[in-house]
Amino acid sequence: MEKTARDARHKAAMQKQKARVDAGIEAADLERGVAILLTGDGKGKSSSAFGMVMRALGYGHKVGVIQFIKGEQLSGEEIYLKERCPEVAFYQMGTGFTWDTQDRSADIAAAERTWSVAGPMLRDASFDLVVLDELTYMLAFKYLPEADVLAAIANRPARQSVVVTGRGGGRALQDIMDTVSEVKEIKHAYRAGIKARRGVDY
C-alpha cells in the first residue's frame, strides 16, 4: 500500500514537471542563433565549449574556433581538431598566458591579429558556431576595444551561435548574451599539489 501511494505521488509530480517542460518548449518559438558566455573561476569552461563544437560537428555544422591567450602549450583539443577535424577553422593567438609574456604592447598586437581572424567569422553567415575561447581576458585587460567586440557579437548573422569563455568579461558582455553560466570552483586538484593531467586538464 505504501509503495503504491509513493508511486502515485511520484507519477503525479512527474506529470506536473512534464507539463511545465512542455509549456516551456511550446513558448520558445523563436528560431535564431544564441550567444553563450561560460565564465567563473572553476574548471571546465573551455571544455564545455569544445563539447558544443563536437555537438555542432555531429550535425554537419560549420564551426570556427579562436583561442585567445592559449597556444604555447600543446593541448588535446588542438591536436584533435587539427588532425581529425580539418574542416574546423581553428586559430590560436599563440602567445601563451599574459603573465608569461609580461609584454603589454606585444599582447595587444597579438590580440588585434587574432581579432582580425575572429571578426570576419562573426560576419560570415556560413558559420553555424563560433567559439571565442578566453576572449574575456582581452576585454578585462583592455587589449581589444570592448564596444567593437560587443557590436560584432550582437550584430552577427541571425542564425549563427557564438560561445565566449573566460573569467570575468564585464557586465556589458553579460548583458548582450542570451545564456550566461558561471562555473564555480569548489575544489581543484592543483591546489592539493596534483600536476595537470594530459587529456584532462590540457
Foldseek 3Di string as FASTA:
>chain_A
DVVVVVVVVVVVVVVVVVVVVVVVVVVPPDAWAFEEEEAADDPDQVVVVVVVVVVCVVVVAAEEEEEEQDAQDDAPVVVCCVPPPVSYHYYYLRPHHCVVVVDLVVSLVSVVVSVVVVLVVQADPSHQEYEYEACLVCQVVVSDPLVVVQCSNLPGDGRHYYYYYYYDNDPVNVVSGPYYHYDYDPDDVVVVVDDDDHPPRD
